Every structure is written in structure tokens, then in C-alpha cells.
Amino acid sequence: MNLEELAARVQRLEDIEAIRALKMRYCAACDDNYNPDAIAACFSEDAIWDAGMFGRSVGRGEIHAYFAAAPDNISFAIHQVANPTVEVDGDSGTGQWYLLQPMVMRATNKAYWLAALYDEEYRRVDGQWLIHRLKLEIRAMTPYEKGFAVERIAEL
């Protein structure tokens, strides 16, 4: 292996770690009462945030507006992500993360378990990795009291 090949391998690892740090910033901002400024800063200008039953937003401005209103619907959430697979190719990348999220819906003050898969695309913009597309595939959304064996997808 020559120095150029080694530099490319190191750059790839640094890019993967930068994307992992980006995902952690996104989750921390969500758990900070859905901080819309911090969340929007994780996305490219023309990003798509698509969370199925929770809604879809196109562009950083719509994403900001969505999360500014999120505390009206969700009073508590802890985004626990695990088992990431991150790939990079130049200034673009992809990733998948499993999500397990305890949460409380404000209207009912009812606790839920959310289990889902994040499927994401990333872009490096001006040297910074950003989320370009986020798709949340919900696998279970179940009342805490019942659990997913009884009611896998709950009506909200």
C-alpha cells in the first residue's frame, strides 16, 4: 500500500466517523425537546425528511417548521440508535440505523415504544456532512403498557 492509498483509506474512515457524529447530533437535538435550529442544521438545503405516519418535510425550512411544532405532539423522546452501516463514496454516502425510542404523546400523556429503521443518504457540502434524505421505516409503534406482542402498530 502506498501513501496515496493509505490517505484514501484514512479519509474514508474519517468520513464515516463524521457521519456517525452527524447522526448523534441529530438524535441529541431531537432529545433536546426537538430543537428545530439544531435539527435543521443537520440537513442539506434540499433535504427530504420522511417519517411515514409522523409526516414528511421537503427542504431545510420545512424541516425546521416541522420540528418547531413537534413538542406540541411529543412531550418526551429518547432516540436510541444502533447497528449502523455507513458507506461513503466521495462526497456522498448512505447509512442505515436501527431506532428504539421510548416516547410520550402529549395529547394523551400515553407512553409508546417506537421501533424503526432509518435509511439515509448524506452529502458533503462545503466540507461538512449533512443528511440529504432521511426515511424512517416504522416496524412497531406500540403502547408501553401493551407491548408489541399485543398491539404492534397503535392508533395515535
N, C-alpha and C. Protein backbone atom coordinates (compact mmCIF):
# COMPACT_ATOMS: atom_id res chain seq x y z
N MET A 1 0.85 -1.17 0.00
CA MET A 1 0.00 0.00 0.00
C MET A 1 0.90 1.24 0.00
N ASN A 2 0.60 2.17 -0.90
CA ASN A 2 1.38 3.39 -0.95
C ASN A 2 0.70 4.48 -0.12
N LEU A 3 1.34 5.63 0.00
CA LEU A 3 0.80 6.72 0.83
C LEU A 3 -0.53 7.23 0.31
N GLU A 4 -0.71 7.28 -0.99
CA GLU A 4 -1.97 7.75 -1.56
C GLU A 4 -3.13 6.81 -1.19
N GLU A 5 -2.89 5.51 -1.26
CA GLU A 5 -3.92 4.54 -0.87
C GLU A 5 -4.21 4.62 0.62
N LEU A 6 -3.18 4.78 1.42
CA LEU A 6 -3.36 4.92 2.86
C LEU A 6 -4.15 6.18 3.18
N ALA A 7 -3.84 7.28 2.53
CA ALA A 7 -4.56 8.54 2.75
C ALA A 7 -6.03 8.38 2.38
N ALA A 8 -6.33 7.67 1.30
CA ALA A 8 -7.72 7.45 0.89
C ALA A 8 -8.46 6.61 1.92
N ARG A 9 -7.80 5.60 2.47
CA ARG A 9 -8.44 4.76 3.49
C ARG A 9 -8.70 5.55 4.76
N VAL A 10 -7.74 6.37 5.16
CA VAL A 10 -7.92 7.20 6.36
C VAL A 10 -9.06 8.20 6.14
N GLN A 11 -9.11 8.81 4.95
CA GLN A 11 -10.18 9.76 4.65
C GLN A 11 -11.55 9.09 4.72
N ARG A 12 -11.65 7.88 4.19
CA ARG A 12 -12.91 7.14 4.25
C ARG A 12 -13.33 6.92 5.70
N LEU A 13 -12.41 6.51 6.55
CA LEU A 13 -12.73 6.30 7.97
C LEU A 13 -13.13 7.60 8.65
N GLU A 14 -12.45 8.69 8.34
CA GLU A 14 -12.81 9.99 8.91
C GLU A 14 -14.20 10.42 8.44
N ASP A 15 -14.53 10.16 7.19
CA ASP A 15 -15.85 10.50 6.67
C ASP A 15 -16.94 9.69 7.37
N ILE A 16 -16.71 8.41 7.56
CA ILE A 16 -17.68 7.56 8.26
C ILE A 16 -17.88 8.06 9.68
N GLU A 17 -16.81 8.39 10.36
CA GLU A 17 -16.94 8.91 11.73
C GLU A 17 -17.66 10.25 11.76
N ALA A 18 -17.44 11.09 10.76
CA ALA A 18 -18.14 12.38 10.69
C ALA A 18 -19.64 12.16 10.49
N ILE A 19 -20.02 11.17 9.71
CA ILE A 19 -21.44 10.86 9.52
C ILE A 19 -22.04 10.30 10.80
N ARG A 20 -21.31 9.46 11.50
CA ARG A 20 -21.80 8.95 12.79
C ARG A 20 -22.00 10.10 13.78
N ALA A 21 -21.08 11.04 13.81
CA ALA A 21 -21.22 12.20 14.69
C ALA A 21 -22.42 13.06 14.28
N LEU A 22 -22.66 13.18 12.99
CA LEU A 22 -23.84 13.90 12.49
C LEU A 22 -25.11 13.24 13.00
N LYS A 23 -25.19 11.92 12.93
CA LYS A 23 -26.38 11.21 13.40
C LYS A 23 -26.56 11.41 14.90
N MET A 24 -25.48 11.41 15.65
CA MET A 24 -25.58 11.63 17.09
C MET A 24 -26.07 13.05 17.39
N ARG A 25 -25.62 14.04 16.61
CA ARG A 25 -26.11 15.42 16.79
C ARG A 25 -27.60 15.50 16.50
N TYR A 26 -28.03 14.82 15.45
CA TYR A 26 -29.46 14.80 15.12
C TYR A 26 -30.27 14.20 16.27
N CYS A 27 -29.85 13.05 16.78
CA CYS A 27 -30.57 12.39 17.87
C CYS A 27 -30.57 13.25 19.13
N ALA A 28 -29.43 13.84 19.46
CA ALA A 28 -29.34 14.70 20.65
C ALA A 28 -30.26 15.91 20.51
N ALA A 29 -30.34 16.48 19.31
CA ALA A 29 -31.22 17.63 19.09
C ALA A 29 -32.69 17.21 19.20
N CYS A 30 -33.03 16.02 18.72
CA CYS A 30 -34.39 15.52 18.88
C CYS A 30 -34.73 15.34 20.36
N ASP A 31 -33.77 14.84 21.12
CA ASP A 31 -33.99 14.61 22.55
C ASP A 31 -33.89 15.88 23.38
N ASP A 32 -33.52 16.98 22.76
CA ASP A 32 -33.49 18.30 23.39
C ASP A 32 -34.79 19.04 23.03
N ASN A 33 -35.91 18.39 23.32
CA ASN A 33 -37.23 18.96 23.05
C ASN A 33 -37.40 19.32 21.57
N TYR A 34 -36.83 18.49 20.72
CA TYR A 34 -36.90 18.68 19.26
C TYR A 34 -36.44 20.08 18.86
N ASN A 35 -35.22 20.40 19.24
CA ASN A 35 -34.60 21.70 18.96
C ASN A 35 -34.55 21.93 17.44
N PRO A 36 -35.43 22.81 16.92
CA PRO A 36 -35.53 22.94 15.46
C PRO A 36 -34.29 23.53 14.81
N ASP A 37 -33.59 24.44 15.48
CA ASP A 37 -32.38 25.02 14.90
C ASP A 37 -31.30 23.96 14.75
N ALA A 38 -31.08 23.19 15.80
CA ALA A 38 -30.04 22.16 15.77
C ALA A 38 -30.40 21.03 14.80
N ILE A 39 -31.67 20.67 14.74
CA ILE A 39 -32.08 19.61 13.81
C ILE A 39 -31.92 20.08 12.37
N ALA A 40 -32.43 21.26 12.05
CA ALA A 40 -32.34 21.77 10.67
C ALA A 40 -30.89 21.89 10.21
N ALA A 41 -29.99 22.21 11.13
CA ALA A 41 -28.57 22.35 10.78
C ALA A 41 -27.95 21.02 10.35
N CYS A 42 -28.61 19.91 10.63
CA CYS A 42 -28.11 18.59 10.23
C CYS A 42 -28.46 18.23 8.79
N PHE A 43 -29.29 19.04 8.13
CA PHE A 43 -29.83 18.70 6.82
C PHE A 43 -29.34 19.63 5.73
N SER A 44 -29.23 19.09 4.51
CA SER A 44 -28.92 19.91 3.35
C SER A 44 -30.12 20.81 3.03
N GLU A 45 -29.88 21.86 2.26
CA GLU A 45 -30.95 22.81 1.92
C GLU A 45 -32.13 22.12 1.25
N ASP A 46 -31.87 21.12 0.41
CA ASP A 46 -32.94 20.46 -0.35
C ASP A 46 -33.23 19.05 0.18
N ALA A 47 -33.02 18.85 1.46
CA ALA A 47 -33.19 17.54 2.08
C ALA A 47 -34.66 17.12 2.10
N ILE A 48 -34.85 15.82 2.25
CA ILE A 48 -36.18 15.24 2.46
C ILE A 48 -36.14 14.48 3.78
N TRP A 49 -37.08 14.80 4.66
CA TRP A 49 -37.27 14.08 5.93
C TRP A 49 -38.63 13.40 5.82
N ASP A 50 -38.64 12.06 5.82
CA ASP A 50 -39.87 11.31 5.62
C ASP A 50 -40.00 10.27 6.72
N ALA A 51 -40.95 10.50 7.62
CA ALA A 51 -41.13 9.60 8.76
C ALA A 51 -42.51 8.94 8.74
N GLY A 52 -43.01 8.65 7.55
CA GLY A 52 -44.25 7.90 7.44
C GLY A 52 -45.40 8.55 8.18
N MET A 53 -45.97 7.85 9.15
CA MET A 53 -47.13 8.32 9.89
C MET A 53 -46.87 9.62 10.65
N PHE A 54 -45.61 9.98 10.84
CA PHE A 54 -45.28 11.21 11.55
C PHE A 54 -45.17 12.41 10.62
N GLY A 55 -45.11 12.18 9.31
CA GLY A 55 -45.09 13.30 8.37
C GLY A 55 -43.90 13.28 7.44
N ARG A 56 -43.92 14.25 6.52
CA ARG A 56 -42.86 14.39 5.51
C ARG A 56 -42.60 15.87 5.30
N SER A 57 -41.34 16.24 5.25
CA SER A 57 -40.94 17.63 5.01
C SER A 57 -39.87 17.66 3.94
N VAL A 58 -39.97 18.66 3.06
CA VAL A 58 -39.01 18.82 1.97
C VAL A 58 -38.32 20.17 2.13
N GLY A 59 -37.01 20.15 2.23
CA GLY A 59 -36.23 21.37 2.38
C GLY A 59 -35.97 21.70 3.85
N ARG A 60 -34.84 22.35 4.07
CA ARG A 60 -34.43 22.69 5.44
C ARG A 60 -35.48 23.55 6.15
N GLY A 61 -36.10 24.48 5.43
CA GLY A 61 -37.12 25.34 6.04
C GLY A 61 -38.32 24.56 6.55
N GLU A 62 -38.83 23.64 5.73
CA GLU A 62 -39.97 22.81 6.16
C GLU A 62 -39.57 21.90 7.32
N ILE A 63 -38.37 21.37 7.28
CA ILE A 63 -37.89 20.52 8.37
C ILE A 63 -37.84 21.32 9.66
N HIS A 64 -37.34 22.54 9.60
CA HIS A 64 -37.29 23.41 10.78
C HIS A 64 -38.70 23.65 11.31
N ALA A 65 -39.63 23.99 10.43
CA ALA A 65 -41.01 24.27 10.85
C ALA A 65 -41.65 23.03 11.49
N TYR A 66 -41.42 21.87 10.91
CA TYR A 66 -41.98 20.64 11.46
C TYR A 66 -41.50 20.42 12.89
N PHE A 67 -40.20 20.55 13.10
CA PHE A 67 -39.66 20.26 14.42
C PHE A 67 -39.94 21.38 15.42
N ALA A 68 -40.20 22.59 14.95
CA ALA A 68 -40.62 23.66 15.86
C ALA A 68 -41.96 23.32 16.49
N ALA A 69 -42.80 22.58 15.75
CA ALA A 69 -44.12 22.19 16.26
C ALA A 69 -44.12 20.82 16.94
N ALA A 70 -43.06 20.04 16.79
CA ALA A 70 -43.03 18.68 17.32
C ALA A 70 -43.29 18.59 18.83
N PRO A 71 -42.78 19.53 19.66
CA PRO A 71 -43.07 19.43 21.09
C PRO A 71 -44.56 19.55 21.43
N ASP A 72 -45.36 20.09 20.51
CA ASP A 72 -46.81 20.14 20.73
C ASP A 72 -47.41 18.74 20.69
N ASN A 73 -46.73 17.80 20.04
CA ASN A 73 -47.24 16.44 19.89
C ASN A 73 -46.51 15.41 20.73
N ILE A 74 -45.21 15.60 20.91
CA ILE A 74 -44.39 14.62 21.64
C ILE A 74 -43.74 15.33 22.81
N SER A 75 -44.09 14.92 24.02
CA SER A 75 -43.56 15.61 25.21
C SER A 75 -42.26 15.00 25.71
N PHE A 76 -41.93 13.79 25.27
CA PHE A 76 -40.71 13.12 25.72
C PHE A 76 -40.30 12.10 24.66
N ALA A 77 -39.01 12.05 24.39
CA ALA A 77 -38.48 11.02 23.47
C ALA A 77 -36.99 10.85 23.72
N ILE A 78 -36.55 9.62 23.63
CA ILE A 78 -35.13 9.30 23.68
C ILE A 78 -34.83 8.46 22.44
N HIS A 79 -34.03 9.03 21.54
CA HIS A 79 -33.67 8.36 20.29
C HIS A 79 -32.43 7.50 20.53
N GLN A 80 -32.62 6.20 20.58
CA GLN A 80 -31.52 5.26 20.76
C GLN A 80 -31.27 4.58 19.42
N VAL A 81 -30.13 4.90 18.79
CA VAL A 81 -29.82 4.29 17.50
C VAL A 81 -28.67 3.30 17.68
N ALA A 82 -28.73 2.25 16.85
CA ALA A 82 -27.73 1.18 16.98
C ALA A 82 -27.52 0.50 15.63
N ASN A 83 -26.49 -0.34 15.59
CA ASN A 83 -26.17 -1.18 14.44
C ASN A 83 -26.06 -0.40 13.13
N PRO A 84 -25.27 0.67 13.12
CA PRO A 84 -25.17 1.46 11.89
C PRO A 84 -24.36 0.74 10.81
N THR A 85 -24.78 0.98 9.59
CA THR A 85 -23.96 0.64 8.43
C THR A 85 -23.82 1.94 7.64
N VAL A 86 -22.61 2.41 7.48
CA VAL A 86 -22.35 3.67 6.79
C VAL A 86 -21.35 3.39 5.67
N GLU A 87 -21.68 3.87 4.48
CA GLU A 87 -20.79 3.76 3.33
C GLU A 87 -20.59 5.14 2.74
N VAL A 88 -19.40 5.42 2.26
CA VAL A 88 -19.12 6.70 1.62
C VAL A 88 -18.47 6.47 0.26
N ASP A 89 -18.75 7.41 -0.64
CA ASP A 89 -18.16 7.39 -1.97
C ASP A 89 -17.97 8.85 -2.37
N GLY A 90 -16.77 9.36 -2.17
CA GLY A 90 -16.51 10.76 -2.47
C GLY A 90 -17.30 11.67 -1.55
N ASP A 91 -18.16 12.51 -2.13
CA ASP A 91 -18.94 13.48 -1.35
C ASP A 91 -20.37 13.02 -1.10
N SER A 92 -20.63 11.72 -1.24
CA SER A 92 -21.96 11.19 -0.92
C SER A 92 -21.79 9.93 -0.08
N GLY A 93 -22.86 9.61 0.63
CA GLY A 93 -22.82 8.43 1.48
C GLY A 93 -24.21 7.92 1.76
N THR A 94 -24.27 6.73 2.32
CA THR A 94 -25.54 6.13 2.72
C THR A 94 -25.37 5.54 4.11
N GLY A 95 -26.48 5.38 4.80
CA GLY A 95 -26.43 4.77 6.12
C GLY A 95 -27.77 4.19 6.52
N GLN A 96 -27.71 3.18 7.35
CA GLN A 96 -28.90 2.62 7.98
C GLN A 96 -28.61 2.50 9.47
N TRP A 97 -29.63 2.81 10.26
CA TRP A 97 -29.54 2.78 11.71
C TRP A 97 -30.84 2.20 12.24
N TYR A 98 -30.77 1.34 13.23
CA TYR A 98 -31.97 0.87 13.91
C TYR A 98 -32.28 1.83 15.04
N LEU A 99 -33.57 2.11 15.23
CA LEU A 99 -34.04 3.03 16.25
C LEU A 99 -34.94 2.31 17.23
N LEU A 100 -34.69 2.49 18.51
CA LEU A 100 -35.61 2.10 19.57
C LEU A 100 -35.85 3.36 20.38
N GLN A 101 -37.11 3.80 20.43
CA GLN A 101 -37.40 5.10 21.02
C GLN A 101 -38.58 5.03 21.98
N PRO A 102 -38.33 5.15 23.29
CA PRO A 102 -39.45 5.39 24.19
C PRO A 102 -39.91 6.83 24.00
N MET A 103 -41.22 7.03 24.05
CA MET A 103 -41.75 8.37 23.82
C MET A 103 -43.10 8.53 24.50
N VAL A 104 -43.50 9.79 24.70
CA VAL A 104 -44.80 10.11 25.29
C VAL A 104 -45.51 11.08 24.35
N MET A 105 -46.75 10.72 23.97
CA MET A 105 -47.57 11.61 23.15
C MET A 105 -48.26 12.61 24.08
N ARG A 106 -48.11 13.88 23.77
CA ARG A 106 -48.61 14.95 24.64
C ARG A 106 -50.13 14.91 24.81
N ALA A 107 -50.88 14.72 23.74
CA ALA A 107 -52.35 14.81 23.80
C ALA A 107 -52.95 13.80 24.77
N THR A 108 -52.38 12.61 24.83
CA THR A 108 -52.94 11.56 25.68
C THR A 108 -52.09 11.29 26.92
N ASN A 109 -50.90 11.87 26.96
CA ASN A 109 -49.91 11.58 28.01
C ASN A 109 -49.68 10.06 28.12
N LYS A 110 -49.66 9.41 26.96
CA LYS A 110 -49.51 7.97 26.88
C LYS A 110 -48.12 7.63 26.37
N ALA A 111 -47.49 6.62 27.00
CA ALA A 111 -46.14 6.19 26.62
C ALA A 111 -46.21 5.14 25.51
N TYR A 112 -45.23 5.23 24.60
CA TYR A 112 -45.14 4.30 23.47
C TYR A 112 -43.69 3.85 23.30
N TRP A 113 -43.56 2.69 22.64
CA TRP A 113 -42.28 2.23 22.12
C TRP A 113 -42.34 2.37 20.62
N LEU A 114 -41.34 3.01 20.04
CA LEU A 114 -41.21 3.10 18.59
C LEU A 114 -39.97 2.31 18.20
N ALA A 115 -40.14 1.36 17.28
CA ALA A 115 -39.00 0.63 16.72
C ALA A 115 -39.03 0.88 15.22
N ALA A 116 -37.88 1.27 14.67
CA ALA A 116 -37.86 1.66 13.26
C ALA A 116 -36.46 1.50 12.68
N LEU A 117 -36.40 1.66 11.38
CA LEU A 117 -35.14 1.65 10.65
C LEU A 117 -34.98 2.99 9.95
N TYR A 118 -33.88 3.68 10.20
CA TYR A 118 -33.52 4.88 9.44
C TYR A 118 -32.77 4.43 8.19
N ASP A 119 -33.20 4.92 7.04
CA ASP A 119 -32.49 4.71 5.78
C ASP A 119 -32.13 6.11 5.28
N GLU A 120 -30.84 6.40 5.16
CA GLU A 120 -30.41 7.79 4.93
C GLU A 120 -29.40 7.91 3.79
N GLU A 121 -29.42 9.09 3.18
CA GLU A 121 -28.39 9.49 2.21
C GLU A 121 -27.75 10.76 2.74
N TYR A 122 -26.45 10.89 2.52
CA TYR A 122 -25.69 12.04 3.01
C TYR A 122 -24.97 12.71 1.85
N ARG A 123 -24.72 14.01 2.02
CA ARG A 123 -23.93 14.78 1.06
C ARG A 123 -22.93 15.61 1.84
N ARG A 124 -21.72 15.70 1.30
CA ARG A 124 -20.74 16.62 1.88
C ARG A 124 -20.92 17.96 1.16
N VAL A 125 -21.24 19.00 1.93
CA VAL A 125 -21.47 20.33 1.39
C VAL A 125 -20.49 21.28 2.07
N ASP A 126 -19.66 21.93 1.29
CA ASP A 126 -18.65 22.85 1.83
C ASP A 126 -17.84 22.21 2.95
N GLY A 127 -17.47 20.94 2.75
CA GLY A 127 -16.64 20.24 3.71
C GLY A 127 -17.37 19.65 4.90
N GLN A 128 -18.71 19.80 4.95
CA GLN A 128 -19.49 19.32 6.10
C GLN A 128 -20.49 18.27 5.63
N TRP A 129 -20.53 17.13 6.33
CA TRP A 129 -21.51 16.09 6.01
C TRP A 129 -22.87 16.50 6.53
N LEU A 130 -23.90 16.33 5.68
CA LEU A 130 -25.28 16.67 6.02
C LEU A 130 -26.20 15.54 5.58
N ILE A 131 -27.34 15.43 6.24
CA ILE A 131 -28.35 14.46 5.82
C ILE A 131 -29.07 15.04 4.60
N HIS A 132 -29.11 14.26 3.53
CA HIS A 132 -29.77 14.69 2.30
C HIS A 132 -31.17 14.06 2.18
N ARG A 133 -31.29 12.83 2.65
CA ARG A 133 -32.59 12.15 2.65
C ARG A 133 -32.64 11.25 3.87
N LEU A 134 -33.72 11.38 4.62
CA LEU A 134 -33.96 10.52 5.78
C LEU A 134 -35.32 9.88 5.60
N LYS A 135 -35.35 8.57 5.61
CA LYS A 135 -36.60 7.80 5.52
C LYS A 135 -36.67 6.94 6.77
N LEU A 136 -37.77 7.07 7.52
CA LEU A 136 -37.98 6.27 8.72
C LEU A 136 -38.99 5.18 8.40
N GLU A 137 -38.55 3.93 8.47
CA GLU A 137 -39.43 2.79 8.23
C GLU A 137 -39.86 2.25 9.59
N ILE A 138 -41.11 2.50 9.93
CA ILE A 138 -41.62 2.12 11.25
C ILE A 138 -41.92 0.63 11.27
N ARG A 139 -41.33 -0.06 12.22
CA ARG A 139 -41.52 -1.51 12.38
C ARG A 139 -42.52 -1.81 13.50
N ALA A 140 -42.56 -0.93 14.52
CA ALA A 140 -43.52 -1.08 15.62
C ALA A 140 -43.73 0.27 16.27
N MET A 141 -44.97 0.54 16.63
CA MET A 141 -45.34 1.75 17.38
C MET A 141 -46.42 1.28 18.33
N THR A 142 -46.00 0.92 19.53
CA THR A 142 -46.88 0.18 20.42
C THR A 142 -47.01 0.87 21.77
N PRO A 143 -48.21 0.81 22.38
CA PRO A 143 -48.35 1.37 23.72
C PRO A 143 -47.42 0.65 24.70
N TYR A 144 -46.81 1.40 25.57
CA TYR A 144 -45.88 0.85 26.54
C TYR A 144 -46.54 -0.26 27.36
N GLU A 145 -47.80 -0.02 27.77
CA GLU A 145 -48.49 -0.97 28.66
C GLU A 145 -48.77 -2.30 27.97
N LYS A 146 -49.06 -2.27 26.66
CA LYS A 146 -49.43 -3.49 25.95
C LYS A 146 -48.22 -4.21 25.37
N GLY A 147 -47.30 -3.46 24.84
CA GLY A 147 -46.15 -4.07 24.19
C GLY A 147 -46.47 -4.50 22.77
N PHE A 148 -45.43 -4.76 22.00
CA PHE A 148 -45.61 -5.05 20.58
C PHE A 148 -46.16 -6.44 20.30
N ALA A 149 -46.19 -7.34 21.30
CA ALA A 149 -46.78 -8.65 21.09
C ALA A 149 -48.30 -8.55 20.99
N VAL A 150 -48.88 -7.56 21.65
CA VAL A 150 -50.33 -7.38 21.67
C VAL A 150 -50.79 -6.39 20.60
N GLU A 151 -50.11 -5.27 20.48
CA GLU A 151 -50.51 -4.22 19.54
C GLU A 151 -49.26 -3.63 18.89
N ARG A 152 -48.90 -4.17 17.72
CA ARG A 152 -47.63 -3.77 17.10
C ARG A 152 -47.66 -2.36 16.53
N ILE A 153 -48.75 -1.94 15.88
CA ILE A 153 -48.87 -0.58 15.37
C ILE A 153 -50.13 0.03 15.98
N ALA A 154 -49.95 1.02 16.84
CA ALA A 154 -51.06 1.63 17.56
C ALA A 154 -51.64 2.80 16.78
N GLU A 155 -52.90 3.07 17.02
CA GLU A 155 -53.55 4.29 16.52
C GLU A 155 -53.18 5.41 17.47
N LEU A 156 -52.74 6.54 16.91
CA LEU A 156 -52.35 7.66 17.77
C LEU A 156 -53.51 8.58 17.99
